[in-house]
């Protein structure tokens, strides 16, 4: 019995010795130098922990507000956009339709109708001496009756307003008054104007102006006047008008009926009416007429 107890006590002492050696190998907490803990920076009076913000601090709110403000700067509202005056945004202009110099038939008809209305409305205005004037003369027969002498002359402006209308005293004996066509009768010429006076007055009106008429050569011959060819617009010689009668010389009556839709010279002729009709024909085709003349001069 005694020997057993001594063996157990020896075994327990060895176990305790081993445990003591293990404990001694570990450094004592008292012997370990206590290193100072790094101070955590404070934000809004509260410390950080392990690099994280303290929950419930105002820093998170500030961070959210800062992020929102940056987002607003990147994507501003439309009403707050302010562009630099040097780089002002200008909307691109869309290319418009190509302008065509040649008018279609419908547009030409509109231009003609507008010109006619303008002429008819302007006939009530004051007699203004415009750059374009139209002239027409009525003649009587002298000599054997086949030679012509001036008996009446009328001039209108581009609006058809009569500027000049006078009967002219013949310088020779009248053999044929041609009343059925000319509308001239003996009583018209009794107190008529002297030929030289009329010639001088008409020459002054023609200076520097565009002369329009029908068969102007005949009118200028009985006036014993000349006018530059490039300043004449003769409706009897204009090619588009001559096509109406297959290339022949058209009458003013025919042109007025076909192009103006009016009837003239139904009986005795009126030099005022004829001059006005010639001017209306020219004004309707003025743009095309003048363009053709400019093209020929090039």
C-alpha atoms as a PDB file:
ATOM      1  CA  UNK A   1       0.000   0.000   0.000  1.00  0.00           C
ATOM      2  CA  UNK A   2       2.670   2.472   0.881  1.00  0.00           C
ATOM      3  CA  UNK A   3       4.608   1.762  -2.250  1.00  0.00           C
ATOM      4  CA  UNK A   4       1.521   2.515  -4.420  1.00  0.00           C
ATOM      5  CA  UNK A   5       0.957   5.891  -2.766  1.00  0.00           C
ATOM      6  CA  UNK A   6       4.561   6.898  -3.244  1.00  0.00           C
ATOM      7  CA  UNK A   7       4.322   6.002  -6.972  1.00  0.00           C
ATOM      8  CA  UNK A   8       1.171   8.101  -7.472  1.00  0.00           C
ATOM      9  CA  UNK A   9       2.735  11.103  -5.691  1.00  0.00           C
ATOM     10  CA  UNK A  10       5.855  10.869  -7.846  1.00  0.00           C
ATOM     11  CA  UNK A  11       3.744  10.786 -11.031  1.00  0.00           C
ATOM     12  CA  UNK A  12       1.699  13.845 -10.017  1.00  0.00           C
ATOM     13  CA  UNK A  13       4.842  15.805  -9.160  1.00  0.00           C
ATOM     14  CA  UNK A  14       6.244  15.189 -12.628  1.00  0.00           C
ATOM     15  CA  UNK A  15       2.972  16.393 -14.216  1.00  0.00           C
ATOM     16  CA  UNK A  16       2.987  19.541 -12.119  1.00  0.00           C
ATOM     17  CA  UNK A  17       6.627  20.135 -13.038  1.00  0.00           C
ATOM     18  CA  UNK A  18       5.880  19.870 -16.717  1.00  0.00           C
ATOM     19  CA  UNK A  19       3.001  22.315 -16.428  1.00  0.00           C
ATOM     20  CA  UNK A  20       5.208  24.715 -14.518  1.00  0.00           C
ATOM     21  CA  UNK A  21       7.842  24.609 -17.210  1.00  0.00           C
ATOM     22  CA  UNK A  22       5.167  25.393 -19.836  1.00  0.00           C
ATOM     23  CA  UNK A  23       3.844  28.270 -17.833  1.00  0.00           C
ATOM     24  CA  UNK A  24       7.328  29.649 -17.283  1.00  0.00           C
ATOM     25  CA  UNK A  25       8.077  29.527 -20.983  1.00  0.00           C
ATOM     26  CA  UNK A  26       5.172  31.956 -21.709  1.00  0.00           C
ATOM     27  CA  UNK A  27       6.053  35.566 -20.952  1.00  0.00           C
ATOM     28  CA  UNK A  28       4.211  37.077 -18.149  1.00  0.00           C
ATOM     29  CA  UNK A  29       1.727  39.756 -18.987  1.00  0.00           C
ATOM     30  CA  UNK A  30       3.308  41.842 -16.341  1.00  0.00           C
ATOM     31  CA  UNK A  31       6.725  41.542 -17.992  1.00  0.00           C
ATOM     32  CA  UNK A  32       5.404  42.577 -21.482  1.00  0.00           C
ATOM     33  CA  UNK A  33       5.956  46.277 -22.106  1.00  0.00           C
ATOM     34  CA  UNK A  34       2.699  48.041 -22.479  1.00  0.00           C
ATOM     35  CA  UNK A  35       2.942  49.948 -25.820  1.00  0.00           C
ATOM     36  CA  UNK A  36       0.894  53.167 -25.976  1.00  0.00           C
ATOM     37  CA  UNK A  37      -2.169  52.930 -28.116  1.00  0.00           C
ATOM     38  CA  UNK A  38      -2.186  55.352 -31.083  1.00  0.00           C
ATOM     39  CA  UNK A  39      -4.610  58.123 -30.605  1.00  0.00           C
ATOM     40  CA  UNK A  40      -7.490  58.025 -33.036  1.00  0.00           C
ATOM     41  CA  UNK A  41      -8.227  61.274 -34.837  1.00  0.00           C
ATOM     42  CA  UNK A  42     -11.391  62.950 -33.879  1.00  0.00           C
ATOM     43  CA  UNK A  43     -14.109  63.965 -36.287  1.00  0.00           C
ATOM     44  CA  UNK A  44     -16.798  66.276 -35.018  1.00  0.00           C
ATOM     45  CA  UNK A  45     -15.579  65.570 -31.454  1.00  0.00           C
ATOM     46  CA  UNK A  46     -15.721  61.761 -31.767  1.00  0.00           C
ATOM     47  CA  UNK A  47     -12.879  59.296 -32.328  1.00  0.00           C
ATOM     48  CA  UNK A  48     -12.369  57.001 -35.312  1.00  0.00           C
ATOM     49  CA  UNK A  49     -12.018  53.271 -34.708  1.00  0.00           C
ATOM     50  CA  UNK A  50      -9.831  51.109 -36.997  1.00  0.00           C
ATOM     51  CA  UNK A  51     -10.031  53.680 -39.828  1.00  0.00           C
ATOM     52  CA  UNK A  52     -13.841  53.680 -39.801  1.00  0.00           C
ATOM     53  CA  UNK A  53     -15.978  56.654 -39.024  1.00  0.00           C
ATOM     54  CA  UNK A  54     -17.814  56.560 -35.776  1.00  0.00           C
ATOM     55  CA  UNK A  55     -21.395  55.585 -36.404  1.00  0.00           C
ATOM     56  CA  UNK A  56     -23.841  58.392 -35.964  1.00  0.00           C
ATOM     57  CA  UNK A  57     -21.303  61.155 -36.685  1.00  0.00           C
ATOM     58  CA  UNK A  58     -22.066  64.150 -38.912  1.00  0.00           C
ATOM     59  CA  UNK A  59     -19.234  63.141 -41.262  1.00  0.00           C
ATOM     60  CA  UNK A  60     -21.426  60.650 -43.107  1.00  0.00           C
ATOM     61  CA  UNK A  61     -24.062  63.319 -43.645  1.00  0.00           C
ATOM     62  CA  UNK A  62     -21.410  65.747 -44.825  1.00  0.00           C
ATOM     63  CA  UNK A  63     -20.009  63.117 -47.179  1.00  0.00           C
ATOM     64  CA  UNK A  64     -23.452  62.468 -48.670  1.00  0.00           C
ATOM     65  CA  UNK A  65     -24.102  66.188 -49.148  1.00  0.00           C
ATOM     66  CA  UNK A  66     -20.683  66.600 -50.780  1.00  0.00           C
ATOM     67  CA  UNK A  67     -21.412  63.742 -53.210  1.00  0.00           C
ATOM     68  CA  UNK A  68     -24.809  65.227 -54.061  1.00  0.00           C
ATOM     69  CA  UNK A  69     -23.310  68.665 -54.748  1.00  0.00           C
ATOM     70  CA  UNK A  70     -20.698  67.128 -57.095  1.00  0.00           C
ATOM     71  CA  UNK A  71     -23.410  65.271 -58.946  1.00  0.00           C
ATOM     72  CA  UNK A  72     -25.395  68.488 -59.357  1.00  0.00           C
ATOM     73  CA  UNK A  73     -22.355  70.251 -60.823  1.00  0.00           C
ATOM     74  CA  UNK A  74     -21.895  67.482 -63.371  1.00  0.00           C
ATOM     75  CA  UNK A  75     -25.544  67.388 -64.369  1.00  0.00           C
ATOM     76  CA  UNK A  76     -26.966  70.880 -63.901  1.00  0.00           C
ATOM     77  CA  UNK A  77     -30.552  71.739 -64.586  1.00  0.00           C
ATOM     78  CA  UNK A  78     -31.443  73.185 -67.993  1.00  0.00           C
ATOM     79  CA  UNK A  79     -32.581  76.442 -66.465  1.00  0.00           C
ATOM     80  CA  UNK A  80     -29.157  76.983 -64.854  1.00  0.00           C
ATOM     81  CA  UNK A  81     -27.018  76.384 -67.950  1.00  0.00           C
ATOM     82  CA  UNK A  82     -24.834  79.414 -68.658  1.00  0.00           C
ATOM     83  CA  UNK A  83     -22.765  79.249 -71.777  1.00  0.00           C
ATOM     84  CA  UNK A  84     -19.673  81.273 -72.450  1.00  0.00           C
ATOM     85  CA  UNK A  85     -20.274  84.298 -74.712  1.00  0.00           C
ATOM     86  CA  UNK A  86     -17.333  83.260 -76.861  1.00  0.00           C
ATOM     87  CA  UNK A  87     -18.673  79.741 -77.361  1.00  0.00           C
ATOM     88  CA  UNK A  88     -22.338  80.466 -77.528  1.00  0.00           C
ATOM     89  CA  UNK A  89     -24.408  77.614 -78.799  1.00  0.00           C
ATOM     90  CA  UNK A  90     -26.214  78.368 -82.018  1.00  0.00           C
ATOM     91  CA  UNK A  91     -28.716  75.954 -83.497  1.00  0.00           C
ATOM     92  CA  UNK A  92     -27.797  74.593 -86.889  1.00  0.00           C
ATOM     93  CA  UNK A  93     -29.754  76.002 -89.752  1.00  0.00           C
ATOM     94  CA  UNK A  94     -31.526  73.465 -91.795  1.00  0.00           C
ATOM     95  CA  UNK A  95     -30.789  73.767 -95.494  1.00  0.00           C
ATOM     96  CA  UNK A  96     -33.731  75.327 -97.256  1.00  0.00           C
ATOM     97  CA  UNK A  97     -35.092  74.338-100.636  1.00  0.00           C
ATOM     98  CA  UNK A  98     -33.003  75.202-103.649  1.00  0.00           C
ATOM     99  CA  UNK A  99     -34.073  78.422-105.271  1.00  0.00           C
ATOM    100  CA  UNK A 100     -34.925  78.007-108.889  1.00  0.00           C
ATOM    101  CA  UNK A 101     -34.417  80.886-111.257  1.00  0.00           C
ATOM    102  CA  UNK A 102     -36.851  79.510-113.815  1.00  0.00           C
ATOM    103  CA  UNK A 103     -40.422  79.893-112.655  1.00  0.00           C
ATOM    104  CA  UNK A 104     -42.942  77.161-113.288  1.00  0.00           C
ATOM    105  CA  UNK A 105     -46.059  77.792-115.334  1.00  0.00           C
ATOM    106  CA  UNK A 106     -48.200  78.138-112.205  1.00  0.00           C
ATOM    107  CA  UNK A 107     -45.849  80.675-110.630  1.00  0.00           C
ATOM    108  CA  UNK A 108     -45.644  82.605-113.906  1.00  0.00           C
ATOM    109  CA  UNK A 109     -49.413  82.805-113.989  1.00  0.00           C
ATOM    110  CA  UNK A 110     -49.409  84.157-110.433  1.00  0.00           C
ATOM    111  CA  UNK A 111     -46.813  86.771-111.364  1.00  0.00           C
ATOM    112  CA  UNK A 112     -48.837  87.789-114.384  1.00  0.00           C
ATOM    113  CA  UNK A 113     -52.031  88.088-112.371  1.00  0.00           C
ATOM    114  CA  UNK A 114     -50.247  90.153-109.735  1.00  0.00           C
ATOM    115  CA  UNK A 115     -48.801  92.445-112.416  1.00  0.00           C
ATOM    116  CA  UNK A 116     -52.216  92.970-113.960  1.00  0.00           C
ATOM    117  CA  UNK A 117     -53.748  93.864-110.604  1.00  0.00           C
ATOM    118  CA  UNK A 118     -50.883  96.242-109.923  1.00  0.00           C
ATOM    119  CA  UNK A 119     -51.404  97.944-113.272  1.00  0.00           C
ATOM    120  CA  UNK A 120     -55.165  98.308-112.870  1.00  0.00           C
ATOM    121  CA  UNK A 121     -54.836  99.631-109.313  1.00  0.00           C
ATOM    122  CA  UNK A 122     -52.106 102.087-110.289  1.00  0.00           C
ATOM    123  CA  UNK A 123     -54.223 103.655-113.036  1.00  0.00           C
ATOM    124  CA  UNK A 124     -55.876 105.723-110.320  1.00  0.00           C
ATOM    125  CA  UNK A 125     -52.547 107.128-109.102  1.00  0.00           C
ATOM    126  CA  UNK A 126     -50.798 110.330-110.143  1.00  0.00           C
ATOM    127  CA  UNK A 127     -49.194 110.424-113.608  1.00  0.00           C
ATOM    128  CA  UNK A 128     -45.584 109.593-112.768  1.00  0.00           C
ATOM    129  CA  UNK A 129     -42.973 109.511-115.500  1.00  0.00           C
ATOM    130  CA  UNK A 130     -41.480 106.062-114.905  1.00  0.00           C
ATOM    131  CA  UNK A 131     -38.362 104.515-116.409  1.00  0.00           C
ATOM    132  CA  UNK A 132     -40.541 102.455-118.764  1.00  0.00           C
ATOM    133  CA  UNK A 133     -43.049 104.232-120.974  1.00  0.00           C
ATOM    134  CA  UNK A 134     -45.257 102.937-123.781  1.00  0.00           C
ATOM    135  CA  UNK A 135     -46.157 104.907-126.885  1.00  0.00           C
ATOM    136  CA  UNK A 136     -48.698 104.519-129.680  1.00  0.00           C
ATOM    137  CA  UNK A 137     -49.543 106.740-132.629  1.00  0.00           C
ATOM    138  CA  UNK A 138     -52.539 107.110-134.922  1.00  0.00           C
ATOM    139  CA  UNK A 139     -51.934 108.205-138.520  1.00  0.00           C
ATOM    140  CA  UNK A 140     -53.846 109.715-141.385  1.00  0.00           C
ATOM    141  CA  UNK A 141     -53.128 109.334-145.134  1.00  0.00           C
ATOM    142  CA  UNK A 142     -51.445 112.044-147.171  1.00  0.00           C
ATOM    143  CA  UNK A 143     -50.190 112.272-150.775  1.00  0.00           C
ATOM    144  CA  UNK A 144     -52.009 109.521-152.608  1.00  0.00           C
ATOM    145  CA  UNK A 145     -53.485 108.328-149.307  1.00  0.00           C
ATOM    146  CA  UNK A 146     -50.945 105.573-148.771  1.00  0.00           C
ATOM    147  CA  UNK A 147     -48.333 107.741-147.032  1.00  0.00           C
ATOM    148  CA  UNK A 148     -48.818 108.244-143.313  1.00  0.00           C
ATOM    149  CA  UNK A 149     -48.685 111.370-141.156  1.00  0.00           C
ATOM    150  CA  UNK A 150     -48.939 111.694-137.397  1.00  0.00           C
ATOM    151  CA  UNK A 151     -52.381 112.719-136.159  1.00  0.00           C
ATOM    152  CA  UNK A 152     -52.443 111.600-132.514  1.00  0.00           C
ATOM    153  CA  UNK A 153     -49.881 110.352-130.006  1.00  0.00           C
ATOM    154  CA  UNK A 154     -50.383 108.838-126.548  1.00  0.00           C
ATOM    155  CA  UNK A 155     -47.836 107.858-123.906  1.00  0.00           C
ATOM    156  CA  UNK A 156     -48.503 105.878-120.705  1.00  0.00           C
ATOM    157  CA  UNK A 157     -46.237 104.945-117.818  1.00  0.00           C
ATOM    158  CA  UNK A 158     -45.530 101.404-116.648  1.00  0.00           C
ATOM    159  CA  UNK A 159     -48.751 101.382-114.611  1.00  0.00           C
ATOM    160  CA  UNK A 160     -50.835 102.267-117.667  1.00  0.00           C
ATOM    161  CA  UNK A 161     -51.510 105.822-116.493  1.00  0.00           C
ATOM    162  CA  UNK A 162     -51.769 108.228-119.414  1.00  0.00           C
ATOM    163  CA  UNK A 163     -48.992 110.832-119.347  1.00  0.00           C
ATOM    164  CA  UNK A 164     -49.339 112.425-122.748  1.00  0.00           C
ATOM    165  CA  UNK A 165     -52.214 112.468-125.253  1.00  0.00           C
ATOM    166  CA  UNK A 166     -52.358 115.041-128.033  1.00  0.00           C
ATOM    167  CA  UNK A 167     -53.761 115.469-131.504  1.00  0.00           C
ATOM    168  CA  UNK A 168     -51.209 116.754-133.997  1.00  0.00           C
ATOM    169  CA  UNK A 169     -51.911 119.315-136.719  1.00  0.00           C
ATOM    170  CA  UNK A 170     -50.948 117.884-140.133  1.00  0.00           C
ATOM    171  CA  UNK A 171     -48.276 119.702-142.147  1.00  0.00           C
ATOM    172  CA  UNK A 172     -49.762 118.495-145.432  1.00  0.00           C
ATOM    173  CA  UNK A 173     -53.233 118.043-146.837  1.00  0.00           C
ATOM    174  CA  UNK A 174     -55.004 114.968-145.488  1.00  0.00           C
ATOM    175  CA  UNK A 175     -56.256 112.656-148.220  1.00  0.00           C
ATOM    176  CA  UNK A 176     -57.594 109.878-145.991  1.00  0.00           C
ATOM    177  CA  UNK A 177     -58.507 110.253-142.336  1.00  0.00           C
ATOM    178  CA  UNK A 178     -58.837 106.480-141.961  1.00  0.00           C
ATOM    179  CA  UNK A 179     -61.511 107.161-139.385  1.00  0.00           C
ATOM    180  CA  UNK A 180     -62.777 103.562-139.205  1.00  0.00           C
ATOM    181  CA  UNK A 181     -59.388 102.471-137.885  1.00  0.00           C
ATOM    182  CA  UNK A 182     -57.612 105.580-136.565  1.00  0.00           C
ATOM    183  CA  UNK A 183     -60.660 107.208-134.944  1.00  0.00           C
ATOM    184  CA  UNK A 184     -59.471 110.552-136.346  1.00  0.00           C
ATOM    185  CA  UNK A 185     -61.990 113.019-137.759  1.00  0.00           C
ATOM    186  CA  UNK A 186     -61.499 116.511-139.255  1.00  0.00           C
ATOM    187  CA  UNK A 187     -62.709 118.281-136.085  1.00  0.00           C
ATOM    188  CA  UNK A 188     -59.945 116.587-134.058  1.00  0.00           C
ATOM    189  CA  UNK A 189     -57.244 118.330-136.078  1.00  0.00           C
ATOM    190  CA  UNK A 190     -58.663 121.844-136.249  1.00  0.00           C
ATOM    191  CA  UNK A 191     -57.208 122.947-132.900  1.00  0.00           C
ATOM    192  CA  UNK A 192     -54.457 120.338-132.688  1.00  0.00           C
ATOM    193  CA  UNK A 193     -50.910 120.922-131.445  1.00  0.00           C
ATOM    194  CA  UNK A 194     -48.144 121.918-133.823  1.00  0.00           C
ATOM    195  CA  UNK A 195     -46.015 119.027-135.016  1.00  0.00           C
ATOM    196  CA  UNK A 196     -42.680 120.574-133.960  1.00  0.00           C
ATOM    197  CA  UNK A 197     -43.951 121.196-130.437  1.00  0.00           C
ATOM    198  CA  UNK A 198     -45.128 117.620-130.094  1.00  0.00           C
ATOM    199  CA  UNK A 199     -41.888 116.295-131.549  1.00  0.00           C
ATOM    200  CA  UNK A 200     -39.799 118.274-129.055  1.00  0.00           C
ATOM    201  CA  UNK A 201     -41.915 117.282-126.031  1.00  0.00           C
ATOM    202  CA  UNK A 202     -41.887 113.593-126.929  1.00  0.00           C
ATOM    203  CA  UNK A 203     -38.125 113.623-127.547  1.00  0.00           C
ATOM    204  CA  UNK A 204     -37.612 114.979-124.012  1.00  0.00           C
ATOM    205  CA  UNK A 205     -39.786 112.249-122.515  1.00  0.00           C
ATOM    206  CA  UNK A 206     -37.916 109.490-124.358  1.00  0.00           C
ATOM    207  CA  UNK A 207     -34.451 110.472-123.139  1.00  0.00           C
ATOM    208  CA  UNK A 208     -32.892 107.734-121.013  1.00  0.00           C
ATOM    209  CA  UNK A 209     -36.073 105.666-120.870  1.00  0.00           C
ATOM    210  CA  UNK A 210     -37.194 102.255-122.025  1.00  0.00           C
ATOM    211  CA  UNK A 211     -39.672 102.634-124.874  1.00  0.00           C
ATOM    212  CA  UNK A 212     -42.395 100.007-125.182  1.00  0.00           C
ATOM    213  CA  UNK A 213     -44.825  99.697-128.041  1.00  0.00           C
ATOM    214  CA  UNK A 214     -46.155  97.656-130.943  1.00  0.00           C
ATOM    215  CA  UNK A 215     -44.387  98.180-134.281  1.00  0.00           C
ATOM    216  CA  UNK A 216     -42.336 101.043-132.846  1.00  0.00           C
ATOM    217  CA  UNK A 217     -40.552 101.563-136.144  1.00  0.00           C
ATOM    218  CA  UNK A 218     -43.694 103.070-137.688  1.00  0.00           C
ATOM    219  CA  UNK A 219     -44.335 105.342-134.695  1.00  0.00           C
ATOM    220  CA  UNK A 220     -40.769 106.683-134.633  1.00  0.00           C
ATOM    221  CA  UNK A 221     -40.820 107.293-138.404  1.00  0.00           C
ATOM    222  CA  UNK A 222     -43.889 109.552-138.331  1.00  0.00           C
ATOM    223  CA  UNK A 223     -42.309 111.454-135.417  1.00  0.00           C
ATOM    224  CA  UNK A 224     -38.989 111.764-137.271  1.00  0.00           C
ATOM    225  CA  UNK A 225     -37.258 110.568-134.136  1.00  0.00           C
ATOM    226  CA  UNK A 226     -34.767 107.837-133.367  1.00  0.00           C
ATOM    227  CA  UNK A 227     -34.309 105.819-130.200  1.00  0.00           C
ATOM    228  CA  UNK A 228     -31.548 103.324-129.295  1.00  0.00           C
ATOM    229  CA  UNK A 229     -32.464  99.794-130.291  1.00  0.00           C
ATOM    230  CA  UNK A 230     -31.366  98.366-126.908  1.00  0.00           C
ATOM    231  CA  UNK A 231     -33.875 100.724-125.237  1.00  0.00           C
ATOM    232  CA  UNK A 232     -36.806  99.504-127.318  1.00  0.00           C
ATOM    233  CA  UNK A 233     -39.219  96.723-126.334  1.00  0.00           C
ATOM    234  CA  UNK A 234     -41.334  95.996-129.372  1.00  0.00           C
ATOM    235  CA  UNK A 235     -44.164  93.514-128.758  1.00  0.00           C
ATOM    236  CA  UNK A 236     -44.425  92.813-132.502  1.00  0.00           C
ATOM    237  CA  UNK A 237     -40.819  91.565-132.625  1.00  0.00           C
ATOM    238  CA  UNK A 238     -40.580  89.563-129.383  1.00  0.00           C
ATOM    239  CA  UNK A 239     -40.060  85.903-130.394  1.00  0.00           C
ATOM    240  CA  UNK A 240     -42.297  84.277-127.730  1.00  0.00           C
ATOM    241  CA  UNK A 241     -45.128  86.504-128.971  1.00  0.00           C
ATOM    242  CA  UNK A 242     -44.448  85.645-132.600  1.00  0.00           C
ATOM    243  CA  UNK A 243     -44.807  81.925-131.836  1.00  0.00           C
ATOM    244  CA  UNK A 244     -48.505  82.541-131.234  1.00  0.00           C
ATOM    245  CA  UNK A 245     -48.936  83.194-134.961  1.00  0.00           C
ATOM    246  CA  UNK A 246     -46.385  80.613-136.170  1.00  0.00           C
ATOM    247  CA  UNK A 247     -43.481  83.046-136.461  1.00  0.00           C
ATOM    248  CA  UNK A 248     -45.346  85.806-138.272  1.00  0.00           C
ATOM    249  CA  UNK A 249     -45.832  89.360-137.013  1.00  0.00           C
ATOM    250  CA  UNK A 250     -48.689  89.248-134.506  1.00  0.00           C
ATOM    251  CA  UNK A 251     -51.246  92.005-134.234  1.00  0.00           C
ATOM    252  CA  UNK A 252     -51.665  93.826-130.949  1.00  0.00           C
ATOM    253  CA  UNK A 253     -55.307  92.785-130.943  1.00  0.00           C
ATOM    254  CA  UNK A 254     -54.324  89.109-131.160  1.00  0.00           C
ATOM    255  CA  UNK A 255     -51.745  89.382-128.358  1.00  0.00           C
ATOM    256  CA  UNK A 256     -54.133  91.223-126.058  1.00  0.00           C
ATOM    257  CA  UNK A 257     -56.799  88.583-126.586  1.00  0.00           C
ATOM    258  CA  UNK A 258     -54.491  85.564-126.204  1.00  0.00           C
ATOM    259  CA  UNK A 259     -52.241  86.778-123.373  1.00  0.00           C
ATOM    260  CA  UNK A 260     -54.237  89.437-121.536  1.00  0.00           C
ATOM    261  CA  UNK A 261     -57.690  88.068-122.064  1.00  0.00           C
ATOM    262  CA  UNK A 262     -59.035  91.467-123.168  1.00  0.00           C
ATOM    263  CA  UNK A 263     -60.624  92.626-126.398  1.00  0.00           C
ATOM    264  CA  UNK A 264     -59.302  95.804-127.991  1.00  0.00           C
ATOM    265  CA  UNK A 265     -59.651  97.495-131.396  1.00  0.00           C
ATOM    266  CA  UNK A 266     -63.203  96.228-131.799  1.00  0.00           C
ATOM    267  CA  UNK A 267     -63.974  99.358-133.798  1.00  0.00           C
ATOM    268  CA  UNK A 268     -62.051 102.595-133.957  1.00  0.00           C
ATOM    269  CA  UNK A 269     -58.607 102.363-132.396  1.00  0.00           C
ATOM    270  CA  UNK A 270     -57.561 104.315-129.326  1.00  0.00           C
ATOM    271  CA  UNK A 271     -53.877 105.164-129.029  1.00  0.00           C
ATOM    272  CA  UNK A 272     -54.203 105.290-125.224  1.00  0.00           C
ATOM    273  CA  UNK A 273     -55.716 101.807-125.110  1.00  0.00           C
ATOM    274  CA  UNK A 274     -53.122 100.401-127.508  1.00  0.00           C
ATOM    275  CA  UNK A 275     -50.199 101.901-125.576  1.00  0.00           C
ATOM    276  CA  UNK A 276     -51.613 100.537-122.336  1.00  0.00           C
ATOM    277  CA  UNK A 277     -52.027  97.043-123.806  1.00  0.00           C
ATOM    278  CA  UNK A 278     -48.435  97.039-125.082  1.00  0.00           C
ATOM    279  CA  UNK A 279     -47.192  98.050-121.640  1.00  0.00           C
ATOM    280  CA  UNK A 280     -49.235  95.320-119.953  1.00  0.00           C
ATOM    281  CA  UNK A 281     -47.733  92.721-122.288  1.00  0.00           C
ATOM    282  CA  UNK A 282     -44.237  93.918-121.507  1.00  0.00           C
ATOM    283  CA  UNK A 283     -44.792  94.024-117.736  1.00  0.00           C
ATOM    284  CA  UNK A 284     -46.139  90.483-117.710  1.00  0.00           C
ATOM    285  CA  UNK A 285     -43.020  89.126-119.399  1.00  0.00           C
ATOM    286  CA  UNK A 286     -40.543  91.747-118.231  1.00  0.00           C
ATOM    287  CA  UNK A 287     -38.313  89.460-116.128  1.00  0.00           C
ATOM    288  CA  UNK A 288     -37.955  86.853-118.843  1.00  0.00           C
ATOM    289  CA  UNK A 289     -37.613  89.472-121.570  1.00  0.00           C
ATOM    290  CA  UNK A 290     -34.866  91.400-119.783  1.00  0.00           C
ATOM    291  CA  UNK A 291     -33.019  88.206-118.855  1.00  0.00           C
ATOM    292  CA  UNK A 292     -32.885  87.161-122.500  1.00  0.00           C
ATOM    293  CA  UNK A 293     -31.508  90.565-123.489  1.00  0.00           C
ATOM    294  CA  UNK A 294     -28.793  90.392-120.811  1.00  0.00           C
ATOM    295  CA  UNK A 295     -27.838  86.919-121.994  1.00  0.00           C
ATOM    296  CA  UNK A 296     -27.440  88.112-125.586  1.00  0.00           C
ATOM    297  CA  UNK A 297     -25.157  90.966-124.563  1.00  0.00           C
ATOM    298  CA  UNK A 298     -22.685  88.632-122.816  1.00  0.00           C
END
